[in-house]
Amino acid sequence: MVMDITFLGSGDALGSGGRFQACLAIRAGPDHLLLDCGASSLIAMRRFGTDPTAVDAVIVSHLHGDHFGGIPFLVLAGQFGRRTRPLRIAGPPGVEARVRAAMEVLFPGASTAERRFALEFVELHPGRETRIGTVAVTPYEVVHPSGAPALALRLSAGARVLAYSGDTAWTETLLDVARDADLFVCEAYFYEKSVRYHLDYRTLAAHRDRLGCRRLVLTHMSEDMLARLPLPGVEWAEDGQVVSL
């Protein structure tokens, strides 16, 4: 099974480099998924030709606005787009309460509004594989406080494996996340500055040989990190970029 990945958003919470917030569109067989859905994601979807009403599910790494804040807008697009298929939201424990609270803050009454489609919530628990359509999702708890466990994720579709760090400080858990993955999409927030609960490029590079992934692509970069690019032998994400596994 081929897995096609579009980087709809490769930026941080502050819009560094004019990039959209975290969001990857994934097509695997019959499934059309989003991996994270930052607040700017609906704009990115319109720009890069992804139909919001075609999304089957959103998989959320952690509950910060630049990773899940676009969900209320995605739901609204479904309402106005005459969506009828259920929309599944999978994320850390507490994801339903946080998404519904965000909907109420942004559009009062939205969390209880009648709509033609169901919102279905699935909690992801570290170490427990969950099927989202035909895609197997395995979460790993990482180090990034967000009011609920922050998760790095492995998505498997047939023989293809996508690993994703989410946001985290360095943790040995990332070795399990990345091992034998076809692609590891990993945060590199700063080049070498140590920022609490985030990963810098120098630390990541020091562990590169231990990761065991076939390909590493950097994402979620600050202005400091962006100013260092290009780096020899290093791949990084660009908004609109497509990768096929």
Protein backbone atom coordinates (compact mmCIF):
# COMPACT_ATOMS: atom_id res chain seq x y z
CA MET A 1 0.00 0.00 0.00
CA VAL A 2 1.35 3.43 -0.96
CA MET A 3 1.25 6.20 1.62
CA ASP A 4 1.16 9.73 0.19
CA ILE A 5 1.98 12.55 2.59
CA THR A 6 1.41 16.25 1.95
CA PHE A 7 2.93 18.76 4.35
CA LEU A 8 0.04 21.20 4.64
CA GLY A 9 1.80 22.91 7.53
CA SER A 10 5.42 22.60 8.66
CA GLY A 11 5.61 25.62 10.94
CA ASP A 12 5.53 26.43 14.63
CA ALA A 13 2.92 28.21 16.76
CA LEU A 14 4.38 31.64 15.89
CA GLY A 15 4.15 31.38 12.09
CA SER A 16 7.92 31.42 11.69
CA GLY A 17 8.96 31.79 8.06
CA GLY A 18 5.35 32.44 7.07
CA ARG A 19 4.61 28.73 7.42
CA PHE A 20 1.30 27.16 8.33
CA GLN A 21 0.96 25.36 11.65
CA ALA A 22 1.43 21.60 12.00
CA CYS A 23 -0.69 19.52 9.63
CA LEU A 24 0.07 16.54 7.40
CA ALA A 25 -2.47 15.13 4.95
CA ILE A 26 -2.09 11.38 4.51
CA ARG A 27 -3.64 9.18 1.87
CA ALA A 28 -3.28 5.45 2.47
CA GLY A 29 -5.52 3.16 0.44
CA PRO A 30 -9.11 4.33 0.94
CA ASP A 31 -8.23 6.51 3.92
CA HIS A 32 -7.69 10.28 3.91
CA LEU A 33 -6.30 11.41 7.25
CA LEU A 34 -4.86 14.51 8.84
CA LEU A 35 -1.98 14.15 11.26
CA ASP A 36 -2.39 17.20 13.50
CA CYS A 37 -4.58 20.11 12.51
CA GLY A 38 -3.19 23.45 13.68
CA ALA A 39 -5.29 26.59 13.72
CA SER A 40 -4.23 27.61 10.18
CA SER A 41 -4.89 24.19 8.63
CA LEU A 42 -8.14 24.95 6.82
CA ILE A 43 -6.40 27.80 4.96
CA ALA A 44 -3.54 25.44 4.07
CA MET A 45 -5.98 22.81 2.83
CA ARG A 46 -7.64 25.33 0.52
CA ARG A 47 -4.26 26.52 -0.77
CA PHE A 48 -2.86 23.08 -1.51
CA GLY A 49 -5.99 21.49 -2.93
CA THR A 50 -7.10 19.24 -0.07
CA ASP A 51 -10.88 18.97 0.23
CA PRO A 52 -11.83 19.40 3.91
CA THR A 53 -15.00 17.34 3.44
CA ALA A 54 -12.94 14.40 2.13
CA VAL A 55 -11.02 13.98 5.39
CA ASP A 56 -12.02 10.78 7.19
CA ALA A 57 -10.19 11.39 10.46
CA VAL A 58 -7.81 13.69 12.33
CA ILE A 59 -5.07 12.17 14.48
CA VAL A 60 -3.79 14.62 17.10
CA SER A 61 -0.36 14.36 18.71
CA HIS A 62 -1.06 16.74 21.60
CA LEU A 63 -3.50 19.37 22.75
CA HIS A 64 -1.81 22.67 21.92
CA GLY A 65 -3.59 25.05 19.57
CA ASP A 66 -0.99 24.84 16.81
CA HIS A 67 -1.66 21.11 16.64
CA PHE A 68 -5.43 20.80 17.18
CA GLY A 69 -6.83 24.35 16.95
CA GLY A 70 -7.99 23.89 13.34
CA ILE A 71 -10.52 21.21 14.20
CA PRO A 72 -13.42 23.59 14.99
CA PHE A 73 -12.95 25.19 11.55
CA LEU A 74 -12.77 21.76 9.89
CA VAL A 75 -16.08 20.83 11.54
CA LEU A 76 -17.62 24.11 10.39
CA ALA A 77 -16.41 23.44 6.83
CA GLY A 78 -18.17 20.07 7.01
CA GLN A 79 -21.42 21.68 8.07
CA PHE A 80 -21.38 24.21 5.24
CA GLY A 81 -20.02 21.62 2.81
CA ARG A 82 -22.99 19.30 3.40
CA ARG A 83 -20.84 16.54 4.81
CA THR A 84 -22.71 13.37 5.81
CA ARG A 85 -19.89 10.92 6.64
CA PRO A 86 -18.74 10.76 10.26
CA LEU A 87 -15.57 12.65 11.15
CA ARG A 88 -13.32 10.83 13.61
CA ILE A 89 -11.01 12.73 15.95
CA ALA A 90 -8.31 10.61 17.59
CA GLY A 91 -5.98 12.02 20.22
CA PRO A 92 -4.70 11.87 23.78
CA PRO A 93 -7.04 11.16 26.69
CA GLY A 94 -9.34 14.13 27.14
CA VAL A 95 -9.36 15.02 23.44
CA GLU A 96 -13.15 15.19 23.20
CA ALA A 97 -13.53 17.63 26.09
CA ARG A 98 -10.75 19.88 24.78
CA VAL A 99 -12.07 19.94 21.21
CA ARG A 100 -15.62 20.67 22.34
CA ALA A 101 -14.36 23.43 24.65
CA ALA A 102 -12.42 24.97 21.76
CA MET A 103 -15.51 24.83 19.58
CA GLU A 104 -17.51 26.68 22.23
CA VAL A 105 -14.86 29.39 22.65
CA LEU A 106 -14.63 30.02 18.91
CA PHE A 107 -18.27 29.44 17.90
CA PRO A 108 -20.64 29.39 20.90
CA GLY A 109 -23.19 26.61 20.51
CA ALA A 110 -21.05 24.74 17.97
CA SER A 111 -20.34 21.77 20.21
CA THR A 112 -24.03 20.90 20.50
CA ALA A 113 -25.25 22.10 17.09
CA GLU A 114 -27.20 19.68 14.91
CA ARG A 115 -25.28 18.60 11.84
CA ARG A 116 -25.67 15.99 9.14
CA PHE A 117 -22.59 14.08 10.25
CA ALA A 118 -21.42 12.57 13.50
CA LEU A 119 -18.31 13.63 15.37
CA GLU A 120 -16.66 10.52 16.75
CA PHE A 121 -13.85 10.70 19.30
CA VAL A 122 -11.20 8.06 19.91
CA GLU A 123 -8.68 8.24 22.76
CA LEU A 124 -5.14 7.11 22.01
CA HIS A 125 -3.28 5.49 24.88
CA PRO A 126 0.51 5.03 24.91
CA GLY A 127 1.60 1.59 23.79
CA ARG A 128 -1.85 0.57 22.57
CA GLU A 129 -2.36 0.17 18.82
CA THR A 130 -5.58 1.69 17.48
CA ARG A 131 -7.03 1.26 14.00
CA ILE A 132 -8.15 4.42 12.24
CA GLY A 133 -9.65 2.98 9.08
CA THR A 134 -6.97 0.73 7.60
CA VAL A 135 -4.13 2.63 9.30
CA ALA A 136 -2.66 1.28 12.53
CA VAL A 137 -1.71 4.06 14.96
CA THR A 138 0.65 3.39 17.85
CA PRO A 139 1.23 6.26 20.30
CA TYR A 140 4.22 6.81 22.58
CA GLU A 141 4.20 9.30 25.44
CA VAL A 142 6.82 12.04 25.09
CA VAL A 143 7.92 15.13 27.04
CA HIS A 144 5.76 18.14 26.26
CA PRO A 145 3.14 19.24 28.83
CA SER A 146 -0.13 20.20 27.15
CA GLY A 147 -2.84 19.39 29.68
CA ALA A 148 -2.87 15.76 28.54
CA PRO A 149 -0.19 13.25 27.57
CA ALA A 150 1.76 14.41 24.50
CA LEU A 151 2.24 11.66 21.96
CA ALA A 152 4.73 10.71 19.28
CA LEU A 153 3.05 8.46 16.73
CA ARG A 154 3.77 5.56 14.39
CA LEU A 155 1.31 5.12 11.52
CA SER A 156 1.44 1.83 9.62
CA ALA A 157 -0.35 1.13 6.35
CA GLY A 158 0.58 -2.24 4.91
CA ALA A 159 4.38 -2.35 4.94
CA ARG A 160 4.76 1.47 5.05
CA VAL A 161 5.56 3.22 8.33
CA LEU A 162 5.43 6.94 9.07
CA ALA A 163 6.88 8.08 12.40
CA TYR A 164 6.11 11.50 13.87
CA SER A 165 7.65 13.13 16.92
CA GLY A 166 5.01 15.74 17.64
CA ASP A 167 6.58 18.26 20.02
CA THR A 168 8.97 16.94 22.65
CA ALA A 169 12.26 17.32 24.41
CA TRP A 170 14.75 14.59 23.55
CA THR A 171 13.68 11.27 25.03
CA GLU A 172 14.95 7.76 24.36
CA THR A 173 11.35 6.91 23.48
CA LEU A 174 11.99 8.49 20.08
CA LEU A 175 14.28 5.56 19.26
CA ASP A 176 11.27 3.24 19.50
CA VAL A 177 9.12 5.63 17.50
CA ALA A 178 11.62 5.98 14.63
CA ARG A 179 13.05 2.46 14.46
CA ASP A 180 12.74 0.98 10.93
CA ALA A 181 10.31 3.70 9.85
CA ASP A 182 10.29 4.61 6.17
CA LEU A 183 10.03 8.27 7.18
CA PHE A 184 10.50 10.03 10.51
CA VAL A 185 9.05 13.55 10.58
CA CYS A 186 10.70 15.20 13.56
CA GLU A 187 10.68 18.55 15.28
CA ALA A 188 13.84 20.66 15.13
CA TYR A 189 12.65 23.82 16.83
CA PHE A 190 16.01 25.56 17.33
CA TYR A 191 19.42 24.84 15.85
CA GLU A 192 21.33 24.38 19.10
CA LYS A 193 19.53 26.47 21.72
CA SER A 194 18.00 24.30 24.42
CA VAL A 195 14.34 25.21 24.92
CA ARG A 196 12.34 23.37 27.53
CA TYR A 197 10.07 20.65 26.14
CA HIS A 198 11.32 21.08 22.56
CA LEU A 199 13.98 19.40 20.44
CA ASP A 200 16.90 21.22 18.83
CA TYR A 201 18.70 20.09 15.68
CA ARG A 202 22.12 19.55 17.33
CA THR A 203 20.63 17.14 19.87
CA LEU A 204 18.72 15.30 17.18
CA ALA A 205 21.81 15.07 14.95
CA ALA A 206 23.81 13.60 17.82
CA HIS A 207 21.36 10.70 17.94
CA ARG A 208 20.80 10.34 14.18
CA ASP A 209 22.64 7.04 13.83
CA ARG A 210 20.59 5.54 16.65
CA LEU A 211 17.19 6.42 15.22
CA GLY A 212 17.17 3.61 12.66
CA CYS A 213 14.76 5.35 10.28
CA ARG A 214 15.31 5.23 6.54
CA ARG A 215 14.60 8.91 6.02
CA LEU A 216 14.46 11.91 8.39
CA VAL A 217 12.64 15.14 7.57
CA LEU A 218 12.72 18.12 9.93
CA THR A 219 9.62 20.18 10.75
CA HIS A 220 8.25 22.69 13.31
CA MET A 221 11.24 25.02 12.89
CA SER A 222 11.71 28.47 14.44
CA GLU A 223 13.22 31.48 12.68
CA ASP A 224 16.55 30.52 14.26
CA MET A 225 16.47 27.07 12.67
CA LEU A 226 15.16 28.28 9.33
CA ALA A 227 18.03 30.78 9.10
CA ARG A 228 20.52 27.87 9.24
CA LEU A 229 19.11 26.10 6.18
CA PRO A 230 20.27 24.53 3.98
CA LEU A 231 22.39 22.11 5.99
CA PRO A 232 24.48 19.47 4.19
CA GLY A 233 22.73 16.12 4.01
CA VAL A 234 19.65 17.35 5.87
CA GLU A 235 16.06 17.21 4.63
CA TRP A 236 13.41 19.59 5.91
CA ALA A 237 9.73 20.04 5.20
CA GLU A 238 8.21 22.81 3.11
CA ASP A 239 4.51 23.69 3.07
CA GLY A 240 2.91 21.98 0.09
CA GLN A 241 5.65 19.33 -0.22
CA VAL A 242 4.50 15.81 -1.14
CA VAL A 243 6.32 12.61 -0.13
CA SER A 244 5.30 9.12 -1.22
CA LEU A 245 6.29 6.00 0.71
